Structure formats: C-alpha cells, structure tokens
Amino acid sequence: FPVTILPRQKVDDRINAARVIIPRCWFDIDKCVRGLTSLRNYQKQWDAKNKIFSSLPKHDWASHGADAFGHLAQGVREDKQVPKNLPRRAISTYDIFNK
C-alpha cells in the first residue's frame, strides 16, 4: 500500500474527523479492547487555576490510541467504487460510549 503523509492539522479537526467516521466503523470487541478503552477515556485537560476545561485534550495513556484513530479518520477517503447496497452506518449492539 502506498503511504501518504497527512499535512499537520488542528487537534479539533482530528477529533471531529473521528466523530464523523466512528458511527460507520465496526470493532471486534475482543481484539479492539485497548483501542476502545482509549476512545472512551479520551478527555480534555482540566485547568485547575481557572476551573475550566482547556481546549486541548489531556495527554495521557488514552490520548495515544485516540489520536491514532483520529489520524486514521483524517486519512480515510470515500471510495467511489463502494457498492450502493452496503450499509452506510454500522449496525451493532455495542456502543463504545455506553449511551
């Protein structure tokens, strides 16, 4: 496969790209435990001095997996050759956000 280096983009753009693509993803519950746990635990940095959340995400163990997924989401391009009868949204009883 050819490798494409994405241009540097804003953190918010990466997070939004992940939000857009995640409803269309299928996850193997057994093989993706660490990645799904990272996505669940990705959060904003708390600014104790001002008592508000920062606009930047907290850099911890969860940020690595969540950032990787966000970079994947930014690099995915729609394949115009996808058959029209495939579902556009993954159907699953597993909700990674526990809603």
Protein backbone atom coordinates (compact mmCIF):
# COMPACT_ATOMS: atom_id res chain seq x y z
CA PHE A 1 0.00 0.00 0.00
CA PRO A 2 1.24 3.50 -0.72
CA VAL A 3 1.89 5.64 2.34
CA THR A 4 0.53 9.17 2.43
CA ILE A 5 1.79 11.72 4.94
CA LEU A 6 -1.04 13.99 6.01
CA PRO A 7 -0.39 17.69 6.47
CA ARG A 8 -0.38 18.94 10.06
CA GLN A 9 -3.90 19.86 11.10
CA LYS A 10 -5.63 21.26 14.15
CA VAL A 11 -6.45 18.95 17.07
CA ASP A 12 -10.14 19.88 16.80
CA ASP A 13 -10.16 18.81 13.13
CA ARG A 14 -8.75 15.40 14.08
CA ILE A 15 -11.34 14.97 16.84
CA ASN A 16 -14.18 15.99 14.52
CA ALA A 17 -12.95 13.61 11.81
CA ALA A 18 -13.07 10.78 14.36
CA ARG A 19 -16.58 11.77 15.42
CA VAL A 20 -17.74 11.70 11.81
CA ILE A 21 -16.30 8.29 10.99
CA ILE A 22 -16.92 6.39 14.22
CA PRO A 23 -20.62 5.66 13.54
CA ARG A 24 -19.54 3.87 10.34
CA CYS A 25 -16.90 1.70 11.99
CA TRP A 26 -17.12 -1.91 13.06
CA PHE A 27 -14.99 -3.01 16.01
CA ASP A 28 -14.02 -6.53 17.06
CA ILE A 29 -14.90 -6.45 20.75
CA ASP A 30 -12.09 -8.84 21.70
CA LYS A 31 -9.28 -7.50 19.51
CA CYS A 32 -10.05 -3.80 20.00
CA VAL A 33 -10.41 -3.62 23.78
CA ARG A 34 -7.41 -1.31 24.29
CA GLY A 35 -8.35 0.99 21.44
CA LEU A 36 -11.97 1.26 22.51
CA THR A 37 -10.88 1.91 26.09
CA SER A 38 -8.64 4.71 24.80
CA LEU A 39 -11.54 6.28 22.91
CA ARG A 40 -13.77 6.06 25.98
CA ASN A 41 -11.16 7.72 28.21
CA TYR A 42 -10.04 10.50 25.85
CA GLN A 43 -10.82 13.78 27.58
CA LYS A 44 -9.99 17.47 27.75
CA GLN A 45 -7.30 18.81 30.07
CA TRP A 46 -8.63 20.36 33.30
CA ASP A 47 -7.31 23.83 34.09
CA ALA A 48 -7.41 23.88 37.90
CA LYS A 49 -6.34 27.51 38.13
CA ASN A 50 -9.23 28.82 36.02
CA LYS A 51 -11.54 25.91 36.92
CA ILE A 52 -12.45 25.18 33.31
CA PHE A 53 -11.61 22.58 30.71
CA SER A 54 -8.84 23.53 28.29
CA SER A 55 -9.46 23.48 24.56
CA LEU A 56 -6.69 20.85 24.30
CA PRO A 57 -7.05 17.17 25.12
CA LYS A 58 -5.36 15.66 28.16
CA HIS A 59 -2.10 13.97 27.19
CA ASP A 60 -2.12 10.60 28.94
CA TRP A 61 -2.27 6.89 28.11
CA ALA A 62 -5.66 7.27 26.38
CA SER A 63 -4.52 10.05 24.07
CA HIS A 64 -2.19 7.80 22.06
CA GLY A 65 -4.89 5.37 20.91
CA ALA A 66 -7.47 8.10 20.43
CA ASP A 67 -5.02 10.25 18.43
CA ALA A 68 -4.16 7.27 16.25
CA PHE A 69 -7.85 6.74 15.49
CA GLY A 70 -8.22 10.46 14.75
CA HIS A 71 -5.31 10.38 12.31
CA LEU A 72 -6.88 7.36 10.61
CA ALA A 73 -10.17 9.25 10.35
CA GLN A 74 -8.43 12.21 8.70
CA GLY A 75 -6.74 9.96 6.17
CA VAL A 76 -9.79 7.97 5.11
CA ARG A 77 -11.18 8.92 1.74
CA GLU A 78 -14.52 7.88 0.37
CA ASP A 79 -14.13 5.13 -2.22
CA LYS A 80 -16.47 5.95 -5.07
CA GLN A 81 -16.48 2.28 -6.11
CA VAL A 82 -18.24 1.06 -2.94
CA PRO A 83 -21.44 -0.81 -3.83
CA LYS A 84 -24.56 1.20 -3.09
CA ASN A 85 -26.25 -1.64 -1.18
CA LEU A 86 -23.74 -1.63 1.70
CA PRO A 87 -24.99 -0.07 4.93
CA ARG A 88 -23.69 3.46 5.49
CA ARG A 89 -23.84 3.04 9.26
CA ALA A 90 -22.53 0.07 11.19
CA ILE A 91 -25.24 -1.92 12.92
CA SER A 92 -24.16 -3.11 16.33
CA THR A 93 -25.46 -3.67 19.83
CA TYR A 94 -22.14 -2.49 21.22
CA ASP A 95 -21.93 1.23 21.99
CA ILE A 96 -18.40 2.42 22.78
CA PHE A 97 -19.74 5.45 24.59
CA ASN A 98 -22.13 3.42 26.79
CA LYS A 99 -25.15 5.56 25.93
